[in-house]
């Protein structure tokens, strides 16, 4: 009789555990869906942005110090950075007009003592202007300056994984367009190659 009662209690506990597992699975799925929606919304917000890395600029704050002026003029600093960005790209035959830019500022660095120049984010008024600049990126070859789309952490990780596959010669090429990651698969002939928009799980097929 005692064994029967214990068996019934065990079965009851197992049923309760199974119920909790189902609820946890449902919650996990809900969290993943919310994270996906958040990433999509965040990436959409960044669609008009470009990240410029490797460009050495002289900031307003530095100018103030050398001139003996301690005033902290954020507007002047932004205008100075924007002017330097416009001037650099103009020198590479990539014209950018001030009225095409809605925002331009540096991104914070994890290591403030790093000797490398901080990355610069530039937001365009019109997405076509951003795309136009990206298409002229080949003119920056040899300058040490690079322009990339402003990806979310998730898409940035996917793009990095794709570049590693390219480096390992497991795919032929990879790039981003409208903040989505694309790859060109290997093929015996050009006709065998395929261009795919990839997601994180898709990349596992090529490892």
C-alpha atoms as a PDB file:
ATOM      1  CA  UNK A   1       0.000   0.000   0.000  1.00  0.00           C
ATOM      2  CA  UNK A   2       2.811   2.359   0.937  1.00  0.00           C
ATOM      3  CA  UNK A   3       4.638   1.603  -2.318  1.00  0.00           C
ATOM      4  CA  UNK A   4       1.467   2.325  -4.266  1.00  0.00           C
ATOM      5  CA  UNK A   5       1.059   5.710  -2.542  1.00  0.00           C
ATOM      6  CA  UNK A   6       4.696   6.586  -3.236  1.00  0.00           C
ATOM      7  CA  UNK A   7       4.272   5.595  -6.875  1.00  0.00           C
ATOM      8  CA  UNK A   8       1.195   7.788  -7.171  1.00  0.00           C
ATOM      9  CA  UNK A   9       3.055  10.711  -5.591  1.00  0.00           C
ATOM     10  CA  UNK A  10       5.974  10.233  -7.975  1.00  0.00           C
ATOM     11  CA  UNK A  11       3.633  10.137 -10.957  1.00  0.00           C
ATOM     12  CA  UNK A  12       1.913  13.284  -9.722  1.00  0.00           C
ATOM     13  CA  UNK A  13       5.229  15.092  -9.312  1.00  0.00           C
ATOM     14  CA  UNK A  14       6.352  13.972 -12.779  1.00  0.00           C
ATOM     15  CA  UNK A  15       3.133  15.305 -14.258  1.00  0.00           C
ATOM     16  CA  UNK A  16       3.652  18.624 -12.478  1.00  0.00           C
ATOM     17  CA  UNK A  17       7.262  18.813 -13.712  1.00  0.00           C
ATOM     18  CA  UNK A  18       6.125  18.075 -17.268  1.00  0.00           C
ATOM     19  CA  UNK A  19       3.567  20.857 -16.973  1.00  0.00           C
ATOM     20  CA  UNK A  20       6.222  23.291 -15.766  1.00  0.00           C
ATOM     21  CA  UNK A  21       8.521  22.273 -18.632  1.00  0.00           C
ATOM     22  CA  UNK A  22       5.767  23.004 -21.152  1.00  0.00           C
ATOM     23  CA  UNK A  23       5.179  26.412 -19.569  1.00  0.00           C
ATOM     24  CA  UNK A  24       8.910  27.191 -19.561  1.00  0.00           C
ATOM     25  CA  UNK A  25       9.182  26.165 -23.203  1.00  0.00           C
ATOM     26  CA  UNK A  26       6.286  28.477 -24.036  1.00  0.00           C
ATOM     27  CA  UNK A  27       7.904  31.339 -22.126  1.00  0.00           C
ATOM     28  CA  UNK A  28      11.244  30.722 -23.869  1.00  0.00           C
ATOM     29  CA  UNK A  29       9.535  30.812 -27.254  1.00  0.00           C
ATOM     30  CA  UNK A  30       7.792  34.064 -26.307  1.00  0.00           C
ATOM     31  CA  UNK A  31      11.092  35.615 -25.194  1.00  0.00           C
ATOM     32  CA  UNK A  32      12.806  34.564 -28.437  1.00  0.00           C
ATOM     33  CA  UNK A  33       9.967  36.066 -30.471  1.00  0.00           C
ATOM     34  CA  UNK A  34      10.169  39.339 -28.524  1.00  0.00           C
ATOM     35  CA  UNK A  35      13.956  39.439 -28.979  1.00  0.00           C
ATOM     36  CA  UNK A  36      13.483  38.881 -32.704  1.00  0.00           C
ATOM     37  CA  UNK A  37      10.949  41.713 -32.954  1.00  0.00           C
ATOM     38  CA  UNK A  38      13.223  44.009 -30.949  1.00  0.00           C
ATOM     39  CA  UNK A  39      16.177  43.245 -33.224  1.00  0.00           C
ATOM     40  CA  UNK A  40      14.077  43.919 -36.346  1.00  0.00           C
ATOM     41  CA  UNK A  41      12.887  47.244 -34.919  1.00  0.00           C
ATOM     42  CA  UNK A  42      16.408  48.235 -33.871  1.00  0.00           C
ATOM     43  CA  UNK A  43      17.832  47.331 -37.273  1.00  0.00           C
ATOM     44  CA  UNK A  44      15.131  49.303 -39.060  1.00  0.00           C
ATOM     45  CA  UNK A  45      16.068  52.343 -36.974  1.00  0.00           C
ATOM     46  CA  UNK A  46      19.682  51.967 -38.180  1.00  0.00           C
ATOM     47  CA  UNK A  47      18.930  51.562 -41.891  1.00  0.00           C
ATOM     48  CA  UNK A  48      19.983  55.111 -42.758  1.00  0.00           C
ATOM     49  CA  UNK A  49      23.289  54.886 -40.856  1.00  0.00           C
ATOM     50  CA  UNK A  50      26.843  54.160 -41.896  1.00  0.00           C
ATOM     51  CA  UNK A  51      29.778  53.388 -39.627  1.00  0.00           C
ATOM     52  CA  UNK A  52      33.109  54.928 -40.643  1.00  0.00           C
ATOM     53  CA  UNK A  53      36.184  53.356 -39.106  1.00  0.00           C
ATOM     54  CA  UNK A  54      39.849  54.244 -39.450  1.00  0.00           C
ATOM     55  CA  UNK A  55      39.301  57.947 -40.194  1.00  0.00           C
ATOM     56  CA  UNK A  56      41.566  60.185 -38.133  1.00  0.00           C
ATOM     57  CA  UNK A  57      39.830  63.398 -37.126  1.00  0.00           C
ATOM     58  CA  UNK A  58      40.713  66.365 -34.945  1.00  0.00           C
ATOM     59  CA  UNK A  59      37.887  67.088 -32.568  1.00  0.00           C
ATOM     60  CA  UNK A  60      36.622  70.427 -31.372  1.00  0.00           C
ATOM     61  CA  UNK A  61      37.581  69.502 -27.831  1.00  0.00           C
ATOM     62  CA  UNK A  62      41.218  69.192 -28.932  1.00  0.00           C
ATOM     63  CA  UNK A  63      41.036  72.495 -30.789  1.00  0.00           C
ATOM     64  CA  UNK A  64      39.689  74.202 -27.679  1.00  0.00           C
ATOM     65  CA  UNK A  65      42.539  72.868 -25.579  1.00  0.00           C
ATOM     66  CA  UNK A  66      45.253  73.953 -28.005  1.00  0.00           C
ATOM     67  CA  UNK A  67      43.638  77.380 -28.239  1.00  0.00           C
ATOM     68  CA  UNK A  68      43.372  77.680 -24.468  1.00  0.00           C
ATOM     69  CA  UNK A  69      39.598  77.671 -24.627  1.00  0.00           C
ATOM     70  CA  UNK A  70      37.837  75.297 -22.231  1.00  0.00           C
ATOM     71  CA  UNK A  71      34.334  75.933 -23.561  1.00  0.00           C
ATOM     72  CA  UNK A  72      32.401  72.764 -24.314  1.00  0.00           C
ATOM     73  CA  UNK A  73      30.521  73.570 -27.481  1.00  0.00           C
ATOM     74  CA  UNK A  74      28.820  70.342 -28.575  1.00  0.00           C
ATOM     75  CA  UNK A  75      27.273  71.935 -31.649  1.00  0.00           C
ATOM     76  CA  UNK A  76      30.616  73.263 -32.839  1.00  0.00           C
ATOM     77  CA  UNK A  77      32.237  69.882 -32.213  1.00  0.00           C
ATOM     78  CA  UNK A  78      29.589  68.122 -34.295  1.00  0.00           C
ATOM     79  CA  UNK A  79      29.933  70.629 -37.117  1.00  0.00           C
ATOM     80  CA  UNK A  80      33.702  70.249 -37.093  1.00  0.00           C
ATOM     81  CA  UNK A  81      33.517  66.439 -37.231  1.00  0.00           C
ATOM     82  CA  UNK A  82      30.903  66.596 -39.972  1.00  0.00           C
ATOM     83  CA  UNK A  83      33.082  68.986 -41.992  1.00  0.00           C
ATOM     84  CA  UNK A  84      36.098  66.707 -41.657  1.00  0.00           C
ATOM     85  CA  UNK A  85      34.079  63.706 -42.827  1.00  0.00           C
ATOM     86  CA  UNK A  86      32.740  65.648 -45.823  1.00  0.00           C
ATOM     87  CA  UNK A  87      36.213  66.927 -46.660  1.00  0.00           C
ATOM     88  CA  UNK A  88      37.809  63.473 -46.512  1.00  0.00           C
ATOM     89  CA  UNK A  89      35.237  61.809 -48.755  1.00  0.00           C
ATOM     90  CA  UNK A  90      35.355  64.753 -51.134  1.00  0.00           C
ATOM     91  CA  UNK A  91      39.115  64.248 -51.454  1.00  0.00           C
ATOM     92  CA  UNK A  92      38.397  60.687 -52.600  1.00  0.00           C
ATOM     93  CA  UNK A  93      35.904  61.850 -55.231  1.00  0.00           C
ATOM     94  CA  UNK A  94      32.946  60.809 -53.093  1.00  0.00           C
ATOM     95  CA  UNK A  95      30.933  64.012 -52.702  1.00  0.00           C
ATOM     96  CA  UNK A  96      28.715  64.392 -49.638  1.00  0.00           C
ATOM     97  CA  UNK A  97      26.673  67.529 -49.037  1.00  0.00           C
ATOM     98  CA  UNK A  98      25.864  68.825 -45.589  1.00  0.00           C
ATOM     99  CA  UNK A  99      22.122  68.800 -46.276  1.00  0.00           C
ATOM    100  CA  UNK A 100      22.334  65.025 -46.901  1.00  0.00           C
ATOM    101  CA  UNK A 101      23.393  64.405 -43.289  1.00  0.00           C
ATOM    102  CA  UNK A 102      21.009  64.437 -40.342  1.00  0.00           C
ATOM    103  CA  UNK A 103      23.528  63.366 -37.686  1.00  0.00           C
ATOM    104  CA  UNK A 104      27.265  62.780 -37.368  1.00  0.00           C
ATOM    105  CA  UNK A 105      29.122  61.829 -34.200  1.00  0.00           C
ATOM    106  CA  UNK A 106      31.702  59.419 -32.795  1.00  0.00           C
ATOM    107  CA  UNK A 107      30.777  56.183 -31.084  1.00  0.00           C
ATOM    108  CA  UNK A 108      31.975  55.578 -27.519  1.00  0.00           C
ATOM    109  CA  UNK A 109      34.961  53.272 -27.148  1.00  0.00           C
ATOM    110  CA  UNK A 110      35.328  50.550 -24.547  1.00  0.00           C
ATOM    111  CA  UNK A 111      38.963  51.525 -24.091  1.00  0.00           C
ATOM    112  CA  UNK A 112      39.315  55.288 -23.898  1.00  0.00           C
ATOM    113  CA  UNK A 113      43.126  54.969 -23.995  1.00  0.00           C
ATOM    114  CA  UNK A 114      43.069  53.110 -27.310  1.00  0.00           C
ATOM    115  CA  UNK A 115      45.356  54.736 -29.901  1.00  0.00           C
ATOM    116  CA  UNK A 116      42.929  53.940 -32.713  1.00  0.00           C
ATOM    117  CA  UNK A 117      40.527  56.585 -33.952  1.00  0.00           C
ATOM    118  CA  UNK A 118      36.950  56.230 -32.697  1.00  0.00           C
ATOM    119  CA  UNK A 119      34.384  54.980 -35.157  1.00  0.00           C
ATOM    120  CA  UNK A 120      32.067  57.617 -36.580  1.00  0.00           C
ATOM    121  CA  UNK A 121      28.380  57.156 -37.214  1.00  0.00           C
ATOM    122  CA  UNK A 122      26.782  59.176 -39.967  1.00  0.00           C
ATOM    123  CA  UNK A 123      23.025  59.205 -40.540  1.00  0.00           C
ATOM    124  CA  UNK A 124      21.671  60.230 -43.913  1.00  0.00           C
ATOM    125  CA  UNK A 125      18.435  62.059 -44.590  1.00  0.00           C
ATOM    126  CA  UNK A 126      17.816  59.873 -47.636  1.00  0.00           C
ATOM    127  CA  UNK A 127      18.696  56.178 -47.710  1.00  0.00           C
ATOM    128  CA  UNK A 128      19.625  56.439 -51.385  1.00  0.00           C
ATOM    129  CA  UNK A 129      22.566  58.665 -50.430  1.00  0.00           C
ATOM    130  CA  UNK A 130      23.793  56.038 -47.976  1.00  0.00           C
ATOM    131  CA  UNK A 131      23.586  53.352 -50.649  1.00  0.00           C
ATOM    132  CA  UNK A 132      25.360  55.638 -53.107  1.00  0.00           C
ATOM    133  CA  UNK A 133      28.277  56.087 -50.730  1.00  0.00           C
ATOM    134  CA  UNK A 134      28.538  52.353 -50.097  1.00  0.00           C
ATOM    135  CA  UNK A 135      28.674  51.713 -53.834  1.00  0.00           C
ATOM    136  CA  UNK A 136      31.708  53.985 -54.067  1.00  0.00           C
ATOM    137  CA  UNK A 137      33.529  52.275 -51.229  1.00  0.00           C
ATOM    138  CA  UNK A 138      36.092  50.869 -53.667  1.00  0.00           C
ATOM    139  CA  UNK A 139      37.550  54.389 -53.911  1.00  0.00           C
ATOM    140  CA  UNK A 140      38.718  54.052 -50.301  1.00  0.00           C
ATOM    141  CA  UNK A 141      41.008  51.128 -51.068  1.00  0.00           C
ATOM    142  CA  UNK A 142      44.416  51.666 -49.513  1.00  0.00           C
ATOM    143  CA  UNK A 143      43.298  54.533 -47.259  1.00  0.00           C
ATOM    144  CA  UNK A 144      42.705  52.423 -44.153  1.00  0.00           C
ATOM    145  CA  UNK A 145      39.209  53.904 -43.930  1.00  0.00           C
ATOM    146  CA  UNK A 146      36.217  51.603 -44.129  1.00  0.00           C
ATOM    147  CA  UNK A 147      32.460  52.188 -44.337  1.00  0.00           C
ATOM    148  CA  UNK A 148      29.929  49.620 -43.220  1.00  0.00           C
ATOM    149  CA  UNK A 149      26.255  49.456 -42.464  1.00  0.00           C
ATOM    150  CA  UNK A 150      25.196  49.976 -38.845  1.00  0.00           C
ATOM    151  CA  UNK A 151      24.246  46.429 -37.897  1.00  0.00           C
ATOM    152  CA  UNK A 152      22.670  45.244 -34.672  1.00  0.00           C
ATOM    153  CA  UNK A 153      24.710  42.940 -32.465  1.00  0.00           C
ATOM    154  CA  UNK A 154      22.878  39.901 -33.847  1.00  0.00           C
ATOM    155  CA  UNK A 155      23.345  40.824 -37.501  1.00  0.00           C
ATOM    156  CA  UNK A 156      26.921  41.885 -36.794  1.00  0.00           C
ATOM    157  CA  UNK A 157      27.639  38.412 -35.420  1.00  0.00           C
ATOM    158  CA  UNK A 158      26.067  36.826 -38.497  1.00  0.00           C
ATOM    159  CA  UNK A 159      28.148  39.039 -40.794  1.00  0.00           C
ATOM    160  CA  UNK A 160      31.305  38.127 -38.860  1.00  0.00           C
ATOM    161  CA  UNK A 161      30.523  34.410 -39.116  1.00  0.00           C
ATOM    162  CA  UNK A 162      29.982  34.812 -42.860  1.00  0.00           C
ATOM    163  CA  UNK A 163      33.347  36.568 -43.230  1.00  0.00           C
ATOM    164  CA  UNK A 164      35.015  33.694 -41.391  1.00  0.00           C
ATOM    165  CA  UNK A 165      33.435  31.251 -43.840  1.00  0.00           C
ATOM    166  CA  UNK A 166      34.712  33.384 -46.712  1.00  0.00           C
ATOM    167  CA  UNK A 167      38.175  33.378 -45.164  1.00  0.00           C
ATOM    168  CA  UNK A 168      38.020  29.586 -44.896  1.00  0.00           C
ATOM    169  CA  UNK A 169      36.940  29.474 -48.577  1.00  0.00           C
ATOM    170  CA  UNK A 170      33.702  27.684 -47.702  1.00  0.00           C
ATOM    171  CA  UNK A 171      31.734  30.387 -49.509  1.00  0.00           C
ATOM    172  CA  UNK A 172      32.778  32.595 -52.401  1.00  0.00           C
ATOM    173  CA  UNK A 173      31.716  36.021 -51.108  1.00  0.00           C
ATOM    174  CA  UNK A 174      29.679  37.832 -48.482  1.00  0.00           C
ATOM    175  CA  UNK A 175      28.282  41.339 -48.146  1.00  0.00           C
ATOM    176  CA  UNK A 176      25.455  43.286 -46.561  1.00  0.00           C
ATOM    177  CA  UNK A 177      22.644  45.192 -48.247  1.00  0.00           C
ATOM    178  CA  UNK A 178      19.982  47.108 -46.366  1.00  0.00           C
ATOM    179  CA  UNK A 179      21.499  45.633 -43.186  1.00  0.00           C
ATOM    180  CA  UNK A 180      20.834  42.065 -44.321  1.00  0.00           C
ATOM    181  CA  UNK A 181      23.653  39.557 -44.744  1.00  0.00           C
ATOM    182  CA  UNK A 182      24.141  37.843 -48.100  1.00  0.00           C
ATOM    183  CA  UNK A 183      26.518  35.145 -49.277  1.00  0.00           C
ATOM    184  CA  UNK A 184      27.494  33.711 -52.642  1.00  0.00           C
ATOM    185  CA  UNK A 185      27.997  29.967 -52.451  1.00  0.00           C
ATOM    186  CA  UNK A 186      30.830  28.085 -54.102  1.00  0.00           C
ATOM    187  CA  UNK A 187      30.104  26.347 -57.370  1.00  0.00           C
ATOM    188  CA  UNK A 188      31.906  24.465 -60.087  1.00  0.00           C
ATOM    189  CA  UNK A 189      30.563  27.049 -62.570  1.00  0.00           C
ATOM    190  CA  UNK A 190      29.030  30.516 -62.171  1.00  0.00           C
ATOM    191  CA  UNK A 191      25.664  28.927 -62.902  1.00  0.00           C
ATOM    192  CA  UNK A 192      26.069  26.660 -59.866  1.00  0.00           C
ATOM    193  CA  UNK A 193      26.691  29.570 -57.508  1.00  0.00           C
ATOM    194  CA  UNK A 194      23.764  30.915 -55.531  1.00  0.00           C
ATOM    195  CA  UNK A 195      23.183  34.242 -53.797  1.00  0.00           C
ATOM    196  CA  UNK A 196      21.397  33.767 -50.493  1.00  0.00           C
ATOM    197  CA  UNK A 197      20.192  36.021 -47.729  1.00  0.00           C
ATOM    198  CA  UNK A 198      21.262  34.156 -44.636  1.00  0.00           C
ATOM    199  CA  UNK A 199      20.166  33.903 -41.041  1.00  0.00           C
ATOM    200  CA  UNK A 200      22.244  32.675 -38.155  1.00  0.00           C
ATOM    201  CA  UNK A 201      21.125  29.065 -38.398  1.00  0.00           C
ATOM    202  CA  UNK A 202      21.601  29.002 -42.155  1.00  0.00           C
ATOM    203  CA  UNK A 203      25.355  29.530 -41.769  1.00  0.00           C
ATOM    204  CA  UNK A 204      25.721  26.229 -39.956  1.00  0.00           C
ATOM    205  CA  UNK A 205      25.065  24.482 -43.271  1.00  0.00           C
ATOM    206  CA  UNK A 206      28.353  25.805 -44.651  1.00  0.00           C
ATOM    207  CA  UNK A 207      30.665  25.053 -41.705  1.00  0.00           C
END
